[in-house]
């Protein structure tokens, strides 16, 4: 049975769902929707997800599930992408919650404004840029002792955070300023088989 993923290929939140499915060899159909063209606001899509957001998955049994990190946790249940140790699993969730609250709203928004709305870097809100840099520094610090965010193996924490970190330069952030993070991006991309 096949999963259906509704997503926008420009969105890191959508790509992390795709990457998780691919890493776990879960068969899926990708349904591309362009957020910039309001394709998530049509009556047909709103009937599937009243929030009008992607990613959205339709599970093989017909149930819908939204929100990227909820989806990847559901898909990865019982796999090596979720640590077996309860503390390590909690640390993975800590990173997942932090990603949506303290990383994505700054790094991804700066990228969106520059890459898709055409704003020059100097026109970005100063607080947005400062918080984006602080998020990247938090990643840098979190990678001081281990190759991945939760120890020595790739987990959903890495999947979630690599999605927008790998394209942070499109928001004017230079990963050369964060060498451990830049090296981690390469490790995670290799572990997930993405380029």
N, C-alpha and C. Protein backbone atom coordinates (compact mmCIF):
# COMPACT_ATOMS: atom_id res chain seq x y z
N UNK A 1 0.85 -1.19 0.00
CA UNK A 1 0.00 0.00 0.00
C UNK A 1 0.88 1.24 0.00
N UNK A 2 0.42 2.28 -0.65
CA UNK A 2 1.25 3.45 -0.88
C UNK A 2 0.74 4.66 -0.11
N UNK A 3 1.68 5.40 0.42
CA UNK A 3 1.44 6.66 1.09
C UNK A 3 1.31 7.75 0.03
N UNK A 4 0.47 8.74 0.25
CA UNK A 4 0.42 9.91 -0.63
C UNK A 4 0.93 11.10 0.16
N UNK A 5 1.93 11.77 -0.40
CA UNK A 5 2.50 12.97 0.24
C UNK A 5 2.15 14.17 -0.62
N UNK A 6 1.42 15.11 -0.03
CA UNK A 6 1.18 16.40 -0.66
C UNK A 6 2.26 17.34 -0.16
N UNK A 7 3.03 17.90 -1.08
CA UNK A 7 4.11 18.77 -0.65
C UNK A 7 4.52 19.74 -1.73
N UNK A 8 5.27 20.73 -1.31
CA UNK A 8 5.88 21.71 -2.20
C UNK A 8 7.38 21.44 -2.16
N UNK A 9 7.97 21.12 -3.30
CA UNK A 9 9.38 20.76 -3.37
C UNK A 9 10.33 21.86 -2.94
N UNK A 10 9.84 23.08 -2.77
CA UNK A 10 10.67 24.18 -2.27
C UNK A 10 10.77 24.18 -0.74
N UNK A 11 9.89 23.43 -0.11
CA UNK A 11 9.75 23.47 1.34
C UNK A 11 10.58 22.40 2.04
N UNK A 12 11.44 22.83 2.93
CA UNK A 12 12.19 21.88 3.74
C UNK A 12 11.28 21.02 4.60
N UNK A 13 10.18 21.58 5.09
CA UNK A 13 9.25 20.80 5.88
C UNK A 13 8.66 19.65 5.07
N UNK A 14 8.41 19.89 3.79
CA UNK A 14 7.89 18.82 2.93
C UNK A 14 8.98 17.82 2.57
N UNK A 15 10.17 18.33 2.30
CA UNK A 15 11.27 17.44 1.91
C UNK A 15 11.64 16.48 3.03
N UNK A 16 11.55 16.91 4.28
CA UNK A 16 11.92 15.98 5.35
C UNK A 16 11.00 14.78 5.40
N UNK A 17 9.73 14.96 5.02
CA UNK A 17 8.80 13.83 4.94
C UNK A 17 9.22 12.90 3.81
N UNK A 18 9.52 13.48 2.66
CA UNK A 18 9.97 12.70 1.51
C UNK A 18 11.24 11.91 1.85
N UNK A 19 12.21 12.58 2.45
CA UNK A 19 13.48 11.92 2.79
C UNK A 19 13.27 10.78 3.79
N UNK A 20 12.39 11.00 4.76
CA UNK A 20 12.13 9.94 5.75
C UNK A 20 11.51 8.73 5.07
N UNK A 21 10.53 8.96 4.22
CA UNK A 21 9.91 7.84 3.48
C UNK A 21 10.95 7.11 2.64
N UNK A 22 11.81 7.85 1.97
CA UNK A 22 12.83 7.21 1.13
C UNK A 22 13.85 6.45 1.97
N UNK A 23 14.29 7.03 3.07
CA UNK A 23 15.26 6.36 3.94
C UNK A 23 14.70 5.03 4.46
N UNK A 24 13.40 5.01 4.72
CA UNK A 24 12.77 3.82 5.29
C UNK A 24 12.13 2.93 4.23
N UNK A 25 12.36 3.26 2.96
CA UNK A 25 11.82 2.48 1.84
C UNK A 25 10.30 2.33 1.91
N UNK A 26 9.64 3.42 2.30
CA UNK A 26 8.18 3.44 2.34
C UNK A 26 7.69 3.92 0.97
N UNK A 27 6.92 3.13 0.26
CA UNK A 27 6.44 3.57 -1.05
C UNK A 27 5.49 4.77 -0.91
N UNK A 28 5.65 5.74 -1.80
CA UNK A 28 4.79 6.92 -1.72
C UNK A 28 4.55 7.49 -3.12
N UNK A 29 3.47 8.23 -3.23
CA UNK A 29 3.19 9.07 -4.39
C UNK A 29 3.34 10.50 -3.93
N UNK A 30 4.06 11.30 -4.69
CA UNK A 30 4.26 12.71 -4.38
C UNK A 30 3.27 13.53 -5.19
N UNK A 31 2.52 14.38 -4.52
CA UNK A 31 1.60 15.29 -5.17
C UNK A 31 2.11 16.71 -4.94
N UNK A 32 2.69 17.28 -5.98
CA UNK A 32 3.29 18.62 -5.88
C UNK A 32 2.21 19.69 -5.85
N UNK A 33 2.29 20.57 -4.84
CA UNK A 33 1.42 21.73 -4.73
C UNK A 33 2.29 22.95 -4.56
N UNK A 34 2.02 23.99 -5.30
CA UNK A 34 2.81 25.22 -5.22
C UNK A 34 2.14 26.19 -4.25
N UNK A 35 2.78 26.37 -3.11
CA UNK A 35 2.24 27.26 -2.09
C UNK A 35 2.16 28.70 -2.62
N UNK A 36 3.15 29.11 -3.40
CA UNK A 36 3.16 30.47 -3.93
C UNK A 36 2.00 30.74 -4.88
N UNK A 37 1.43 29.68 -5.44
CA UNK A 37 0.28 29.82 -6.33
C UNK A 37 -1.03 29.46 -5.62
N UNK A 38 -0.97 29.42 -4.28
CA UNK A 38 -2.15 29.17 -3.43
C UNK A 38 -2.81 27.83 -3.71
N UNK A 39 -2.04 26.84 -4.15
CA UNK A 39 -2.62 25.54 -4.45
C UNK A 39 -3.02 24.76 -3.20
N UNK A 40 -2.62 25.24 -2.02
CA UNK A 40 -3.05 24.60 -0.78
C UNK A 40 -4.32 25.26 -0.24
N UNK A 41 -4.85 26.23 -0.97
CA UNK A 41 -6.05 26.95 -0.53
C UNK A 41 -7.29 26.60 -1.34
N UNK A 42 -7.18 25.59 -2.19
CA UNK A 42 -8.33 25.18 -3.01
C UNK A 42 -9.33 24.42 -2.14
N UNK A 43 -10.60 24.42 -2.52
CA UNK A 43 -11.60 23.67 -1.74
C UNK A 43 -11.25 22.19 -1.62
N UNK A 44 -10.71 21.59 -2.69
CA UNK A 44 -10.37 20.17 -2.63
C UNK A 44 -9.28 19.90 -1.60
N UNK A 45 -8.25 20.76 -1.58
CA UNK A 45 -7.18 20.52 -0.61
C UNK A 45 -7.64 20.86 0.80
N UNK A 46 -8.39 21.94 0.97
CA UNK A 46 -8.87 22.30 2.30
C UNK A 46 -9.80 21.23 2.87
N UNK A 47 -10.44 20.45 2.01
CA UNK A 47 -11.25 19.33 2.51
C UNK A 47 -10.36 18.25 3.13
N UNK A 48 -9.12 18.13 2.63
CA UNK A 48 -8.16 17.17 3.18
C UNK A 48 -7.48 17.72 4.43
N UNK A 49 -7.10 18.99 4.37
CA UNK A 49 -6.41 19.64 5.48
C UNK A 49 -6.96 21.05 5.65
N UNK A 50 -7.89 21.24 6.58
CA UNK A 50 -8.50 22.56 6.78
C UNK A 50 -7.50 23.66 7.13
N UNK A 51 -6.31 23.28 7.59
CA UNK A 51 -5.27 24.29 7.87
C UNK A 51 -4.66 24.83 6.59
N UNK A 52 -4.85 24.13 5.48
CA UNK A 52 -4.34 24.61 4.20
C UNK A 52 -2.83 24.62 4.12
N UNK A 53 -2.20 23.64 4.75
CA UNK A 53 -0.73 23.60 4.79
C UNK A 53 -0.21 22.27 4.26
N UNK A 54 0.98 22.32 3.73
CA UNK A 54 1.73 21.12 3.40
C UNK A 54 2.98 21.12 4.27
N UNK A 55 3.50 19.93 4.57
CA UNK A 55 3.12 18.63 4.05
C UNK A 55 1.84 18.10 4.68
N UNK A 56 1.24 17.22 3.90
CA UNK A 56 0.09 16.44 4.36
C UNK A 56 0.29 15.05 3.78
N UNK A 57 0.07 14.04 4.60
CA UNK A 57 0.10 12.68 4.07
C UNK A 57 -1.28 12.06 4.21
N UNK A 58 -1.60 11.25 3.24
CA UNK A 58 -2.77 10.39 3.33
C UNK A 58 -2.21 8.99 3.50
N UNK A 59 -2.48 8.42 4.65
CA UNK A 59 -1.97 7.09 4.98
C UNK A 59 -2.68 6.04 4.13
N UNK A 60 -2.09 4.87 3.98
CA UNK A 60 -2.72 3.83 3.16
C UNK A 60 -4.17 3.51 3.57
N UNK A 61 -4.51 3.71 4.85
CA UNK A 61 -5.89 3.42 5.28
C UNK A 61 -6.82 4.61 5.07
N UNK A 62 -6.30 5.69 4.46
CA UNK A 62 -7.14 6.84 4.14
C UNK A 62 -7.12 7.97 5.14
N UNK A 63 -6.51 7.75 6.31
CA UNK A 63 -6.44 8.83 7.30
C UNK A 63 -5.41 9.87 6.88
N UNK A 64 -5.68 11.14 7.20
CA UNK A 64 -4.77 12.24 6.89
C UNK A 64 -3.96 12.61 8.12
N UNK A 65 -2.71 13.03 7.88
CA UNK A 65 -1.84 13.49 8.96
C UNK A 65 -1.05 14.68 8.46
N UNK A 66 -1.04 15.75 9.23
CA UNK A 66 -0.33 16.97 8.87
C UNK A 66 0.77 17.25 9.89
N UNK A 67 1.53 18.29 9.62
CA UNK A 67 2.65 18.78 10.42
C UNK A 67 3.87 17.86 10.24
N UNK A 68 4.90 18.43 9.67
CA UNK A 68 6.06 17.65 9.23
C UNK A 68 6.66 16.76 10.31
N UNK A 69 6.88 17.31 11.49
CA UNK A 69 7.54 16.50 12.51
C UNK A 69 6.62 15.40 13.05
N UNK A 70 5.32 15.64 13.11
CA UNK A 70 4.39 14.58 13.49
C UNK A 70 4.41 13.47 12.44
N UNK A 71 4.46 13.87 11.18
CA UNK A 71 4.47 12.87 10.10
C UNK A 71 5.72 12.01 10.16
N UNK A 72 6.89 12.64 10.29
CA UNK A 72 8.12 11.85 10.26
C UNK A 72 8.22 10.92 11.47
N UNK A 73 7.72 11.37 12.62
CA UNK A 73 7.71 10.49 13.79
C UNK A 73 6.80 9.29 13.52
N UNK A 74 5.64 9.53 12.95
CA UNK A 74 4.72 8.42 12.63
C UNK A 74 5.37 7.45 11.64
N UNK A 75 5.98 7.98 10.59
CA UNK A 75 6.59 7.11 9.58
C UNK A 75 7.75 6.30 10.14
N UNK A 76 8.51 6.90 11.05
CA UNK A 76 9.73 6.27 11.55
C UNK A 76 9.52 5.40 12.78
N UNK A 77 8.29 5.30 13.26
CA UNK A 77 8.02 4.50 14.46
C UNK A 77 8.64 3.11 14.31
N UNK A 78 9.45 2.72 15.30
CA UNK A 78 10.07 1.40 15.31
C UNK A 78 11.33 1.28 14.47
N UNK A 79 11.77 2.37 13.85
CA UNK A 79 12.98 2.33 13.01
C UNK A 79 14.18 2.89 13.78
N UNK A 80 15.34 2.76 13.17
CA UNK A 80 16.57 3.28 13.76
C UNK A 80 16.62 4.80 13.76
N UNK A 81 15.72 5.47 13.05
CA UNK A 81 15.70 6.94 13.07
C UNK A 81 15.16 7.51 14.38
N UNK A 82 14.56 6.64 15.20
CA UNK A 82 14.10 7.03 16.54
C UNK A 82 14.93 6.24 17.54
N UNK A 83 15.75 6.92 18.35
CA UNK A 83 16.61 6.19 19.29
C UNK A 83 15.82 5.28 20.22
N UNK A 84 16.41 4.13 20.52
CA UNK A 84 15.78 3.17 21.42
C UNK A 84 15.87 3.59 22.88
N UNK A 85 16.96 4.26 23.25
CA UNK A 85 17.15 4.71 24.62
C UNK A 85 16.18 5.85 24.92
N UNK A 86 15.50 5.79 26.06
CA UNK A 86 14.45 6.78 26.36
C UNK A 86 15.00 8.20 26.47
N UNK A 87 16.19 8.35 27.05
CA UNK A 87 16.77 9.70 27.14
C UNK A 87 17.13 10.22 25.76
N UNK A 88 17.77 9.39 24.96
CA UNK A 88 18.13 9.81 23.60
C UNK A 88 16.89 10.14 22.77
N UNK A 89 15.83 9.36 22.96
CA UNK A 89 14.58 9.64 22.25
C UNK A 89 14.03 11.00 22.70
N UNK A 90 14.09 11.27 23.99
CA UNK A 90 13.64 12.57 24.49
C UNK A 90 14.50 13.71 23.93
N UNK A 91 15.81 13.49 23.81
CA UNK A 91 16.69 14.50 23.21
C UNK A 91 16.31 14.73 21.75
N UNK A 92 15.96 13.66 21.04
CA UNK A 92 15.50 13.81 19.66
C UNK A 92 14.27 14.72 19.62
N UNK A 93 13.30 14.46 20.50
CA UNK A 93 12.10 15.30 20.55
C UNK A 93 12.45 16.74 20.94
N UNK A 94 13.40 16.90 21.83
CA UNK A 94 13.84 18.26 22.20
C UNK A 94 14.28 19.03 20.96
N UNK A 95 15.09 18.39 20.13
CA UNK A 95 15.54 19.04 18.89
C UNK A 95 14.38 19.28 17.93
N UNK A 96 13.44 18.32 17.83
CA UNK A 96 12.30 18.50 16.93
C UNK A 96 11.45 19.69 17.35
N UNK A 97 11.19 19.83 18.64
CA UNK A 97 10.38 20.95 19.12
C UNK A 97 11.14 22.27 18.90
N UNK A 98 12.43 22.25 19.21
CA UNK A 98 13.25 23.46 19.04
C UNK A 98 13.30 23.87 17.57
N UNK A 99 13.40 22.91 16.67
CA UNK A 99 13.48 23.20 15.23
C UNK A 99 12.29 24.02 14.78
N UNK A 100 11.09 23.65 15.20
CA UNK A 100 9.90 24.35 14.74
C UNK A 100 9.71 25.70 15.42
N UNK A 101 10.27 25.87 16.59
CA UNK A 101 10.07 27.11 17.35
C UNK A 101 11.23 28.10 17.23
N UNK A 102 12.45 27.60 17.11
CA UNK A 102 13.62 28.48 17.20
C UNK A 102 14.55 28.44 16.01
N UNK A 103 14.32 27.56 15.05
CA UNK A 103 15.19 27.47 13.87
C UNK A 103 14.41 27.81 12.61
N UNK A 104 13.39 27.04 12.31
CA UNK A 104 12.61 27.21 11.08
C UNK A 104 12.01 28.62 10.96
N UNK A 105 11.48 29.22 12.03
CA UNK A 105 10.88 30.55 11.88
C UNK A 105 11.89 31.65 11.50
N UNK A 106 13.17 31.37 11.60
CA UNK A 106 14.17 32.38 11.29
C UNK A 106 14.98 31.99 10.06
N UNK A 107 15.60 30.83 10.07
CA UNK A 107 16.43 30.41 8.94
C UNK A 107 15.56 30.23 7.69
N UNK A 108 14.45 29.52 7.83
CA UNK A 108 13.58 29.26 6.68
C UNK A 108 12.89 30.53 6.20
N UNK A 109 12.48 31.39 7.12
CA UNK A 109 11.79 32.61 6.73
C UNK A 109 12.74 33.57 6.01
N UNK A 110 13.97 33.67 6.48
CA UNK A 110 14.96 34.50 5.77
C UNK A 110 15.18 33.96 4.36
N UNK A 111 15.30 32.66 4.26
CA UNK A 111 15.47 32.03 2.94
C UNK A 111 14.27 32.32 2.05
N UNK A 112 13.07 32.17 2.56
CA UNK A 112 11.86 32.39 1.77
C UNK A 112 11.81 33.84 1.27
N UNK A 113 12.09 34.76 2.17
CA UNK A 113 12.01 36.17 1.79
C UNK A 113 13.04 36.54 0.73
N UNK A 114 14.23 35.98 0.83
CA UNK A 114 15.26 36.30 -0.16
C UNK A 114 15.08 35.51 -1.46
N UNK A 115 14.93 34.20 -1.33
CA UNK A 115 14.93 33.33 -2.51
C UNK A 115 13.62 33.37 -3.30
N UNK A 116 12.51 33.59 -2.61
CA UNK A 116 11.22 33.49 -3.29
C UNK A 116 10.46 34.81 -3.37
N UNK A 117 10.76 35.73 -2.46
CA UNK A 117 10.12 37.05 -2.53
C UNK A 117 11.06 38.10 -3.09
N UNK A 118 12.33 37.73 -3.27
CA UNK A 118 13.29 38.64 -3.89
C UNK A 118 13.80 39.77 -3.02
N UNK A 119 13.64 39.64 -1.70
CA UNK A 119 14.14 40.69 -0.81
C UNK A 119 15.67 40.66 -0.73
N UNK A 120 16.32 41.79 -0.77
CA UNK A 120 17.77 41.79 -0.54
C UNK A 120 18.05 41.54 0.95
N UNK A 121 19.22 41.00 1.23
CA UNK A 121 19.60 40.67 2.61
C UNK A 121 19.44 41.87 3.54
N UNK A 122 19.84 43.04 3.08
CA UNK A 122 19.79 44.23 3.94
C UNK A 122 18.35 44.67 4.24
N UNK A 123 17.38 44.15 3.53
CA UNK A 123 15.98 44.50 3.78
C UNK A 123 15.31 43.56 4.79
N UNK A 124 16.02 42.48 5.18
CA UNK A 124 15.44 41.56 6.16
C UNK A 124 15.41 42.21 7.54
N UNK A 125 14.42 41.86 8.31
CA UNK A 125 14.31 42.32 9.68
C UNK A 125 15.57 41.90 10.45
N UNK A 126 16.17 42.83 11.15
CA UNK A 126 17.41 42.56 11.87
C UNK A 126 17.25 41.44 12.90
N UNK A 127 16.11 41.41 13.58
CA UNK A 127 15.85 40.37 14.58
C UNK A 127 15.79 39.00 13.92
N UNK A 128 15.19 38.91 12.75
CA UNK A 128 15.12 37.66 12.00
C UNK A 128 16.52 37.12 11.73
N UNK A 129 17.40 38.00 11.27
CA UNK A 129 18.78 37.60 10.96
C UNK A 129 19.53 37.19 12.23
N UNK A 130 19.39 37.98 13.28
CA UNK A 130 20.08 37.67 14.54
C UNK A 130 19.63 36.32 15.10
N UNK A 131 18.33 36.07 15.06
CA UNK A 131 17.82 34.81 15.60
C UNK A 131 18.19 33.63 14.71
N UNK A 132 18.28 33.86 13.41
CA UNK A 132 18.75 32.81 12.50
C UNK A 132 20.19 32.44 12.80
N UNK A 133 21.03 33.46 13.01
CA UNK A 133 22.43 33.20 13.36
C UNK A 133 22.52 32.48 14.71
N UNK A 134 21.69 32.89 15.66
CA UNK A 134 21.69 32.24 16.98
C UNK A 134 21.28 30.77 16.86
N UNK A 135 20.32 30.48 15.99
CA UNK A 135 19.90 29.09 15.78
C UNK A 135 21.04 28.27 15.19
N UNK A 136 21.72 28.83 14.21
CA UNK A 136 22.86 28.11 13.62
C UNK A 136 23.98 27.92 14.63
N UNK A 137 24.18 28.90 15.51
CA UNK A 137 25.19 28.75 16.56
C UNK A 137 24.79 27.66 17.55
N UNK A 138 23.48 27.55 17.84
CA UNK A 138 23.01 26.49 18.73
C UNK A 138 23.29 25.12 18.12
N UNK A 139 23.08 24.99 16.82
CA UNK A 139 23.44 23.73 16.15
C UNK A 139 24.93 23.48 16.26
N UNK A 140 25.72 24.50 15.97
CA UNK A 140 27.17 24.38 16.03
C UNK A 140 27.61 23.87 17.41
N UNK A 141 27.04 24.45 18.45
CA UNK A 141 27.38 24.04 19.82
C UNK A 141 26.89 22.62 20.11
N UNK A 142 25.73 22.27 19.57
CA UNK A 142 25.17 20.94 19.80
C UNK A 142 25.94 19.83 19.13
N UNK A 143 26.79 20.19 18.18
CA UNK A 143 27.59 19.20 17.46
C UNK A 143 29.03 19.14 17.95
N UNK A 144 29.30 19.73 19.08
CA UNK A 144 30.68 19.80 19.57
C UNK A 144 31.26 18.42 19.88
N UNK A 145 30.43 17.51 20.43
CA UNK A 145 30.97 16.24 20.92
C UNK A 145 30.54 15.01 20.12
N UNK A 146 29.57 15.16 19.24
CA UNK A 146 29.05 14.00 18.52
C UNK A 146 28.85 14.34 17.04
N UNK A 147 28.90 13.34 16.16
CA UNK A 147 28.75 13.61 14.73
C UNK A 147 27.32 13.94 14.32
N UNK A 148 26.34 13.50 15.11
CA UNK A 148 24.94 13.79 14.84
C UNK A 148 24.34 14.43 16.08
N UNK A 149 23.14 14.95 15.96
CA UNK A 149 22.57 15.72 17.07
C UNK A 149 22.26 14.87 18.29
N UNK A 150 21.97 13.59 18.08
CA UNK A 150 21.71 12.70 19.20
C UNK A 150 22.69 11.53 19.08
N UNK A 151 23.94 11.80 19.36
CA UNK A 151 24.94 10.75 19.40
C UNK A 151 25.61 10.44 18.08
N UNK A 152 25.81 9.15 17.84
CA UNK A 152 26.64 8.70 16.72
C UNK A 152 25.85 8.16 15.54
N UNK A 153 24.53 8.27 15.59
CA UNK A 153 23.70 7.77 14.50
C UNK A 153 22.71 8.84 14.07
N UNK A 154 22.39 8.85 12.80
CA UNK A 154 21.42 9.79 12.28
C UNK A 154 20.05 9.48 12.90
N UNK A 155 19.32 10.54 13.26
CA UNK A 155 17.98 10.39 13.82
C UNK A 155 17.06 11.42 13.18
N UNK A 156 15.81 11.38 13.58
CA UNK A 156 14.87 12.36 13.05
C UNK A 156 15.27 13.79 13.41
N UNK A 157 16.02 13.97 14.48
CA UNK A 157 16.50 15.31 14.81
C UNK A 157 17.35 15.86 13.66
N UNK A 158 18.19 15.02 13.11
CA UNK A 158 19.04 15.43 11.99
C UNK A 158 18.21 15.66 10.73
N UNK A 159 17.26 14.77 10.47
CA UNK A 159 16.40 14.92 9.29
C UNK A 159 15.69 16.27 9.35
N UNK A 160 15.09 16.56 10.50
CA UNK A 160 14.32 17.79 10.64
C UNK A 160 15.18 19.03 10.48
N UNK A 161 16.35 19.01 11.09
CA UNK A 161 17.17 20.24 11.11
C UNK A 161 18.01 20.43 9.86
N UNK A 162 18.31 19.37 9.14
CA UNK A 162 19.10 19.55 7.93
C UNK A 162 18.28 20.20 6.82
N UNK A 163 16.96 20.05 6.88
CA UNK A 163 16.10 20.50 5.79
C UNK A 163 16.33 21.97 5.43
N UNK A 164 16.34 22.84 6.41
CA UNK A 164 16.57 24.26 6.11
C UNK A 164 18.01 24.69 6.35
N UNK A 165 18.75 23.95 7.18
CA UNK A 165 20.14 24.33 7.41
C UNK A 165 20.95 24.18 6.12
N UNK A 166 20.69 23.14 5.35
CA UNK A 166 21.46 22.89 4.12
C UNK A 166 21.27 23.99 3.08
N UNK A 167 20.19 24.76 3.19
CA UNK A 167 19.94 25.86 2.24
C UNK A 167 19.97 27.21 2.95
N UNK A 168 20.60 27.26 4.11
CA UNK A 168 20.66 28.51 4.87
C UNK A 168 21.32 29.63 4.08
N UNK A 169 22.25 29.27 3.18
CA UNK A 169 22.92 30.29 2.36
C UNK A 169 21.92 31.06 1.49
N UNK A 170 20.79 30.43 1.15
CA UNK A 170 19.77 31.11 0.36
C UNK A 170 19.06 32.20 1.17
N UNK A 171 19.27 32.18 2.49
CA UNK A 171 18.75 33.23 3.37
C UNK A 171 19.85 34.16 3.85
N UNK A 172 21.02 34.05 3.20
CA UNK A 172 22.12 34.95 3.53
C UNK A 172 23.00 34.49 4.68
N UNK A 173 22.83 33.26 5.14
CA UNK A 173 23.68 32.74 6.22
C UNK A 173 24.81 31.94 5.61
N UNK A 174 26.01 32.19 6.08
CA UNK A 174 27.19 31.52 5.54
C UNK A 174 27.61 30.39 6.48
N UNK A 175 27.45 29.15 6.02
CA UNK A 175 27.81 28.01 6.87
C UNK A 175 29.30 27.90 7.10
N UNK A 176 30.11 28.65 6.36
CA UNK A 176 31.55 28.68 6.65
C UNK A 176 31.79 29.23 8.05
N UNK A 177 30.84 30.01 8.56
CA UNK A 177 30.95 30.53 9.93
C UNK A 177 30.63 29.47 10.97
N UNK A 178 30.11 28.33 10.52
CA UNK A 178 29.69 27.25 11.41
C UNK A 178 30.25 25.93 10.88
N UNK A 179 31.57 25.70 11.02
CA UNK A 179 32.21 24.56 10.36
C UNK A 179 31.71 23.20 10.81
N UNK A 180 31.40 23.03 12.09
CA UNK A 180 30.86 21.73 12.53
C UNK A 180 29.50 21.48 11.89
N UNK A 181 28.72 22.53 11.79
CA UNK A 181 27.39 22.41 11.17
C UNK A 181 27.51 22.08 9.69
N UNK A 182 28.43 22.74 9.00
CA UNK A 182 28.63 22.45 7.58
C UNK A 182 29.05 20.99 7.36
N UNK A 183 29.94 20.49 8.22
CA UNK A 183 30.37 19.09 8.10
C UNK A 183 29.21 18.15 8.43
N UNK A 184 28.41 18.51 9.41
CA UNK A 184 27.24 17.71 9.78
C UNK A 184 26.24 17.64 8.62
N UNK A 185 26.01 18.75 7.93
CA UNK A 185 25.10 18.75 6.78
C UNK A 185 25.55 17.68 5.78
N UNK A 186 26.84 17.65 5.50
CA UNK A 186 27.36 16.64 4.56
C UNK A 186 27.14 15.22 5.07
N UNK A 187 27.36 14.99 6.36
CA UNK A 187 27.14 13.65 6.93
C UNK A 187 25.68 13.24 6.84
N UNK A 188 24.78 14.18 7.16
CA UNK A 188 23.36 13.85 7.13
C UNK A 188 22.90 13.60 5.69
N UNK A 189 23.35 14.44 4.77
CA UNK A 189 22.98 14.23 3.37
C UNK A 189 23.46 12.84 2.89
N UNK A 190 24.66 12.47 3.28
CA UNK A 190 25.18 11.14 2.90
C UNK A 190 24.35 10.03 3.54
N UNK A 191 24.01 10.20 4.81
CA UNK A 191 23.23 9.17 5.52
C UNK A 191 21.83 9.01 4.93
N UNK A 192 21.26 10.11 4.41
CA UNK A 192 19.92 10.07 3.85
C UNK A 192 19.92 9.82 2.34
N UNK A 193 21.10 9.90 1.73
CA UNK A 193 21.20 9.71 0.29
C UNK A 193 20.63 10.86 -0.51
N UNK A 194 20.78 12.09 0.02
CA UNK A 194 20.31 13.27 -0.70
C UNK A 194 21.49 14.14 -1.10
N UNK A 195 21.27 14.96 -2.10
CA UNK A 195 22.36 15.86 -2.52
C UNK A 195 21.81 17.25 -2.80
